[in-house]
N, C-alpha and C. Protein backbone atom coordinates (compact mmCIF):
# COMPACT_ATOMS: atom_id res chain seq x y z
N MET A 1 20.78 -37.23 -6.00
CA MET A 1 19.54 -36.54 -6.01
C MET A 1 18.69 -36.95 -7.19
N ALA A 2 19.28 -37.25 -8.30
CA ALA A 2 18.53 -37.61 -9.49
C ALA A 2 17.81 -38.94 -9.33
N SER A 3 18.24 -39.75 -8.35
CA SER A 3 17.62 -41.05 -8.16
C SER A 3 16.27 -40.95 -7.45
N ARG A 4 15.99 -39.84 -6.79
CA ARG A 4 14.71 -39.67 -6.10
C ARG A 4 13.61 -39.39 -7.12
N LYS A 5 12.47 -39.95 -6.85
CA LYS A 5 11.34 -39.77 -7.74
C LYS A 5 10.52 -38.55 -7.30
N ASP A 6 10.10 -37.73 -8.23
CA ASP A 6 9.29 -36.56 -7.93
C ASP A 6 7.87 -37.01 -7.62
N MET A 7 7.42 -36.82 -6.36
CA MET A 7 6.13 -37.32 -5.91
C MET A 7 5.00 -36.32 -6.12
N ARG A 8 5.29 -35.12 -6.63
CA ARG A 8 4.24 -34.14 -6.83
C ARG A 8 3.40 -34.52 -8.05
N ARG A 9 2.08 -34.32 -7.90
CA ARG A 9 1.17 -34.65 -9.00
C ARG A 9 0.61 -33.36 -9.58
N THR A 10 0.74 -33.22 -10.87
CA THR A 10 0.34 -31.98 -11.52
C THR A 10 -1.17 -31.78 -11.53
N GLU A 11 -1.96 -32.84 -11.45
CA GLU A 11 -3.42 -32.67 -11.47
C GLU A 11 -3.96 -32.14 -10.13
N LEU A 12 -3.13 -32.15 -9.10
CA LEU A 12 -3.56 -31.63 -7.79
C LEU A 12 -3.15 -30.17 -7.58
N VAL A 13 -2.50 -29.58 -8.53
CA VAL A 13 -2.07 -28.19 -8.40
C VAL A 13 -3.28 -27.26 -8.56
N ILE A 14 -3.43 -26.33 -7.60
CA ILE A 14 -4.51 -25.35 -7.64
C ILE A 14 -3.90 -24.03 -8.04
N PRO A 15 -4.37 -23.44 -9.13
CA PRO A 15 -3.78 -22.17 -9.55
C PRO A 15 -4.17 -21.03 -8.61
N TYR A 16 -3.28 -20.04 -8.50
CA TYR A 16 -3.52 -18.89 -7.64
C TYR A 16 -4.49 -17.94 -8.33
N VAL A 17 -5.52 -17.52 -7.60
CA VAL A 17 -6.47 -16.54 -8.10
C VAL A 17 -6.44 -15.36 -7.15
N GLU A 18 -6.14 -14.18 -7.69
CA GLU A 18 -6.05 -12.99 -6.85
C GLU A 18 -7.43 -12.62 -6.32
N PRO A 19 -7.54 -12.35 -5.00
CA PRO A 19 -8.86 -12.00 -4.44
C PRO A 19 -9.36 -10.68 -4.99
N LYS A 20 -10.68 -10.57 -5.07
CA LYS A 20 -11.30 -9.34 -5.55
C LYS A 20 -11.15 -8.26 -4.50
N GLU A 21 -11.08 -7.02 -4.97
CA GLU A 21 -10.98 -5.90 -4.03
C GLU A 21 -12.30 -5.69 -3.33
N ASP A 22 -12.22 -5.34 -2.05
CA ASP A 22 -13.41 -5.07 -1.27
C ASP A 22 -13.87 -3.65 -1.56
N LYS A 23 -15.08 -3.50 -2.09
CA LYS A 23 -15.60 -2.17 -2.43
C LYS A 23 -16.71 -1.80 -1.46
N SER A 24 -16.37 -1.78 -0.18
CA SER A 24 -17.35 -1.41 0.83
C SER A 24 -17.51 0.10 0.87
N THR A 25 -18.47 0.58 1.63
CA THR A 25 -18.79 2.00 1.66
C THR A 25 -17.93 2.78 2.64
N GLU A 26 -17.01 2.13 3.32
CA GLU A 26 -16.11 2.80 4.26
C GLU A 26 -16.86 3.53 5.36
N LEU A 27 -17.80 2.84 5.97
CA LEU A 27 -18.55 3.41 7.09
C LEU A 27 -17.61 3.67 8.27
N GLY A 28 -16.67 2.78 8.47
CA GLY A 28 -15.74 2.95 9.59
C GLY A 28 -14.92 4.22 9.46
N SER A 29 -14.50 4.55 8.26
CA SER A 29 -13.74 5.78 8.05
C SER A 29 -14.58 7.01 8.35
N THR A 30 -15.84 6.95 7.97
CA THR A 30 -16.74 8.07 8.26
C THR A 30 -16.93 8.24 9.76
N LEU A 31 -17.10 7.13 10.46
CA LEU A 31 -17.30 7.21 11.90
C LEU A 31 -16.05 7.69 12.62
N THR A 32 -14.88 7.23 12.18
CA THR A 32 -13.66 7.63 12.88
C THR A 32 -13.33 9.10 12.68
N SER A 33 -13.87 9.72 11.64
CA SER A 33 -13.60 11.15 11.46
C SER A 33 -14.69 12.04 12.05
N SER A 34 -15.92 11.54 12.14
CA SER A 34 -17.01 12.40 12.62
C SER A 34 -17.30 12.25 14.12
N LEU A 35 -17.12 11.07 14.67
CA LEU A 35 -17.43 10.87 16.09
C LEU A 35 -16.52 11.67 17.03
N PRO A 36 -15.21 11.77 16.79
CA PRO A 36 -14.41 12.61 17.69
C PRO A 36 -14.85 14.07 17.69
N MET A 37 -15.25 14.57 16.52
CA MET A 37 -15.72 15.96 16.48
C MET A 37 -17.03 16.12 17.24
N ALA A 38 -17.92 15.13 17.11
CA ALA A 38 -19.18 15.19 17.85
C ALA A 38 -18.93 15.15 19.35
N ALA A 39 -17.95 14.35 19.77
CA ALA A 39 -17.62 14.27 21.20
C ALA A 39 -17.07 15.58 21.71
N MET A 40 -16.25 16.26 20.91
CA MET A 40 -15.69 17.54 21.35
C MET A 40 -16.75 18.63 21.41
N PHE A 41 -17.65 18.65 20.42
CA PHE A 41 -18.68 19.69 20.40
C PHE A 41 -19.67 19.52 21.54
N THR A 42 -20.07 18.29 21.82
CA THR A 42 -21.09 18.05 22.84
C THR A 42 -20.50 17.79 24.22
N ARG A 43 -19.18 17.56 24.30
CA ARG A 43 -18.51 17.21 25.56
C ARG A 43 -19.14 15.96 26.18
N ASN A 44 -19.56 15.05 25.33
CA ASN A 44 -20.20 13.81 25.77
C ASN A 44 -19.13 12.72 25.89
N LYS A 45 -18.95 12.21 27.11
CA LYS A 45 -17.90 11.21 27.35
C LYS A 45 -18.20 9.88 26.67
N ALA A 46 -19.48 9.50 26.59
CA ALA A 46 -19.85 8.23 25.95
C ALA A 46 -19.50 8.25 24.47
N ILE A 47 -19.76 9.36 23.80
CA ILE A 47 -19.41 9.46 22.38
C ILE A 47 -17.89 9.43 22.22
N GLY A 48 -17.18 10.04 23.15
CA GLY A 48 -15.72 10.01 23.10
C GLY A 48 -15.15 8.61 23.24
N TRP A 49 -15.71 7.81 24.14
CA TRP A 49 -15.25 6.44 24.30
C TRP A 49 -15.60 5.59 23.09
N VAL A 50 -16.79 5.78 22.55
CA VAL A 50 -17.19 5.03 21.34
C VAL A 50 -16.27 5.39 20.18
N ALA A 51 -15.96 6.67 20.04
CA ALA A 51 -15.05 7.11 18.97
C ALA A 51 -13.68 6.48 19.13
N THR A 52 -13.19 6.40 20.37
CA THR A 52 -11.87 5.82 20.61
C THR A 52 -11.85 4.33 20.28
N VAL A 53 -12.86 3.61 20.70
CA VAL A 53 -12.91 2.16 20.43
C VAL A 53 -13.04 1.90 18.93
N ILE A 54 -13.92 2.63 18.25
CA ILE A 54 -14.11 2.40 16.82
C ILE A 54 -12.85 2.74 16.04
N SER A 55 -12.20 3.83 16.38
CA SER A 55 -10.98 4.20 15.65
C SER A 55 -9.84 3.22 15.93
N LEU A 56 -9.76 2.69 17.14
CA LEU A 56 -8.75 1.68 17.44
C LEU A 56 -9.00 0.41 16.64
N LEU A 57 -10.26 -0.03 16.58
CA LEU A 57 -10.58 -1.24 15.82
C LEU A 57 -10.34 -1.04 14.33
N ASN A 58 -10.65 0.14 13.81
CA ASN A 58 -10.39 0.40 12.39
C ASN A 58 -8.89 0.47 12.10
N TRP A 59 -8.12 1.00 13.03
CA TRP A 59 -6.67 1.07 12.84
C TRP A 59 -6.06 -0.33 12.86
N ILE A 60 -6.53 -1.18 13.77
CA ILE A 60 -6.00 -2.54 13.86
C ILE A 60 -6.37 -3.37 12.65
N SER A 61 -7.60 -3.21 12.15
CA SER A 61 -8.07 -4.06 11.04
C SER A 61 -7.82 -3.44 9.67
N GLU A 62 -6.98 -2.44 9.60
CA GLU A 62 -6.70 -1.76 8.34
C GLU A 62 -5.87 -2.66 7.43
N SER A 63 -6.35 -2.88 6.21
CA SER A 63 -5.62 -3.70 5.24
C SER A 63 -4.65 -2.82 4.46
N PRO A 64 -3.66 -3.43 3.80
CA PRO A 64 -2.71 -2.62 3.03
C PRO A 64 -3.37 -1.81 1.92
N SER A 65 -4.41 -2.36 1.28
CA SER A 65 -5.07 -1.60 0.22
C SER A 65 -5.84 -0.41 0.81
N GLN A 66 -6.44 -0.58 1.99
CA GLN A 66 -7.11 0.54 2.65
C GLN A 66 -6.10 1.57 3.09
N ARG A 67 -4.95 1.11 3.53
CA ARG A 67 -3.90 2.01 3.99
C ARG A 67 -3.41 2.89 2.83
N ASN A 68 -3.30 2.31 1.64
CA ASN A 68 -2.83 3.07 0.48
C ASN A 68 -3.90 4.00 -0.06
N ALA A 69 -5.16 3.60 0.01
CA ALA A 69 -6.25 4.39 -0.56
C ALA A 69 -6.76 5.48 0.39
N SER A 70 -6.50 5.34 1.67
CA SER A 70 -7.04 6.27 2.66
C SER A 70 -6.26 7.57 2.68
N ALA A 71 -6.99 8.67 2.84
CA ALA A 71 -6.33 9.97 2.94
C ALA A 71 -5.79 10.21 4.35
N THR A 72 -6.46 9.65 5.35
CA THR A 72 -6.05 9.80 6.74
C THR A 72 -5.56 8.46 7.28
N PRO A 73 -4.34 8.37 7.78
CA PRO A 73 -3.86 7.10 8.32
C PRO A 73 -4.61 6.72 9.59
N GLY A 74 -4.63 5.44 9.90
CA GLY A 74 -5.36 4.94 11.06
C GLY A 74 -4.86 5.49 12.38
N TYR A 75 -3.54 5.65 12.50
CA TYR A 75 -3.00 6.16 13.76
C TYR A 75 -3.39 7.62 13.99
N LEU A 76 -3.58 8.38 12.91
CA LEU A 76 -4.00 9.77 13.06
C LEU A 76 -5.45 9.86 13.53
N SER A 77 -6.30 8.98 13.01
CA SER A 77 -7.70 8.94 13.46
C SER A 77 -7.78 8.52 14.92
N PHE A 78 -6.94 7.57 15.31
CA PHE A 78 -6.91 7.14 16.71
C PHE A 78 -6.42 8.27 17.60
N GLY A 79 -5.42 9.00 17.17
CA GLY A 79 -4.94 10.14 17.93
C GLY A 79 -5.99 11.23 18.08
N MET A 80 -6.76 11.44 17.03
CA MET A 80 -7.84 12.43 17.09
C MET A 80 -8.90 12.01 18.09
N SER A 81 -9.21 10.72 18.15
CA SER A 81 -10.22 10.26 19.12
C SER A 81 -9.69 10.34 20.55
N ILE A 82 -8.40 10.11 20.75
CA ILE A 82 -7.81 10.28 22.08
C ILE A 82 -7.86 11.75 22.49
N LEU A 83 -7.60 12.64 21.54
CA LEU A 83 -7.70 14.07 21.81
C LEU A 83 -9.13 14.45 22.18
N ALA A 84 -10.10 13.91 21.46
CA ALA A 84 -11.51 14.20 21.75
C ALA A 84 -11.89 13.68 23.14
N LEU A 85 -11.37 12.52 23.50
CA LEU A 85 -11.63 11.98 24.83
C LEU A 85 -11.02 12.88 25.90
N GLY A 86 -9.84 13.41 25.63
CA GLY A 86 -9.21 14.35 26.56
C GLY A 86 -10.01 15.63 26.72
N VAL A 87 -10.59 16.12 25.62
CA VAL A 87 -11.41 17.33 25.68
C VAL A 87 -12.66 17.10 26.51
N THR A 88 -13.25 15.91 26.40
CA THR A 88 -14.46 15.65 27.18
C THR A 88 -14.17 15.56 28.67
N TYR A 89 -12.96 15.13 29.05
CA TYR A 89 -12.60 15.05 30.46
C TYR A 89 -11.87 16.29 30.97
N MET A 90 -11.68 17.30 30.13
CA MET A 90 -10.95 18.49 30.53
C MET A 90 -11.59 19.23 31.72
N PRO A 91 -12.92 19.38 31.79
CA PRO A 91 -13.48 20.08 32.95
C PRO A 91 -13.21 19.37 34.28
N LEU A 92 -12.88 18.09 34.23
CA LEU A 92 -12.55 17.36 35.45
C LEU A 92 -11.21 17.82 36.02
N PHE A 93 -10.25 18.14 35.14
CA PHE A 93 -8.92 18.54 35.57
C PHE A 93 -8.73 20.05 35.59
N MET A 94 -9.47 20.75 34.74
CA MET A 94 -9.39 22.20 34.68
C MET A 94 -10.80 22.76 34.80
N PRO A 95 -11.33 22.89 36.02
CA PRO A 95 -12.71 23.34 36.17
C PRO A 95 -12.91 24.75 35.61
N PRO A 96 -14.10 25.00 35.06
CA PRO A 96 -14.36 26.34 34.53
C PRO A 96 -14.39 27.37 35.66
N GLN A 97 -14.08 28.61 35.34
CA GLN A 97 -14.05 29.67 36.35
C GLN A 97 -15.47 30.04 36.73
N ALA A 98 -15.62 30.65 37.90
CA ALA A 98 -16.95 31.00 38.43
C ALA A 98 -17.64 32.02 37.53
N ASN A 99 -16.91 32.99 36.99
CA ASN A 99 -17.53 34.01 36.13
C ASN A 99 -18.11 33.39 34.87
N ALA A 100 -17.46 32.39 34.34
CA ALA A 100 -17.95 31.77 33.12
C ALA A 100 -19.25 31.02 33.36
N ARG A 101 -19.43 30.48 34.59
CA ARG A 101 -20.65 29.75 34.90
C ARG A 101 -21.84 30.69 35.11
N MET A 102 -21.58 31.92 35.55
CA MET A 102 -22.66 32.87 35.81
C MET A 102 -23.16 33.54 34.54
N GLY A 103 -22.49 33.36 33.44
CA GLY A 103 -22.91 33.97 32.20
C GLY A 103 -22.27 35.32 31.96
N ALA A 104 -21.28 35.70 32.76
CA ALA A 104 -20.61 36.99 32.58
C ALA A 104 -19.71 36.90 31.36
N THR A 105 -19.86 37.86 30.48
CA THR A 105 -19.05 37.87 29.27
C THR A 105 -17.98 38.95 29.29
N GLY A 106 -18.02 39.83 30.26
CA GLY A 106 -17.05 40.90 30.35
C GLY A 106 -17.50 42.17 29.65
N THR A 107 -18.69 42.16 29.08
CA THR A 107 -19.19 43.35 28.38
C THR A 107 -20.28 44.07 29.17
N GLU A 108 -20.62 43.56 30.36
CA GLU A 108 -21.64 44.21 31.17
C GLU A 108 -21.08 45.45 31.86
N ALA A 109 -22.01 46.27 32.33
CA ALA A 109 -21.61 47.47 33.07
C ALA A 109 -21.03 47.06 34.43
N ALA A 110 -20.17 47.89 34.94
CA ALA A 110 -19.57 47.62 36.23
C ALA A 110 -20.64 47.74 37.34
N PRO A 111 -20.49 47.00 38.43
CA PRO A 111 -21.47 47.10 39.51
C PRO A 111 -21.41 48.51 40.14
N PRO A 112 -22.52 48.97 40.70
CA PRO A 112 -22.51 50.32 41.30
C PRO A 112 -21.58 50.40 42.49
N MET A 113 -21.02 51.58 42.66
CA MET A 113 -20.10 51.81 43.77
C MET A 113 -20.89 52.02 45.04
N PRO A 114 -20.43 51.49 46.17
CA PRO A 114 -21.15 51.73 47.42
C PRO A 114 -20.99 53.19 47.86
N PRO A 115 -22.03 53.75 48.54
CA PRO A 115 -21.91 55.16 48.99
C PRO A 115 -20.85 55.29 50.07
N SER A 116 -20.12 56.40 50.08
CA SER A 116 -19.09 56.60 51.08
C SER A 116 -19.42 57.66 52.08
């Protein structure tokens, strides 16, 4: 082994420089936490789908430094958006009762009795 010549050239060595931390405003984190709530409050299916796609993309593109600095993990935000999407489609599987659609709250007076 000692007879082999070392072919590496020291002038071609590039020193390692640690990349700078990304100091973005975390818009994606804000969207993944607020859009599912907006979808649940408004029961808007389009907002629910947008929330699901954005939270999935943020979860997939999460870097280790973002994972350590974030208070909410990516999978939890994705789960929240799936829950919001389920809430928007809930009337499709569990239709509201007829009394709820008429505006009856249960505090009105009883209907008059028919004469006998």
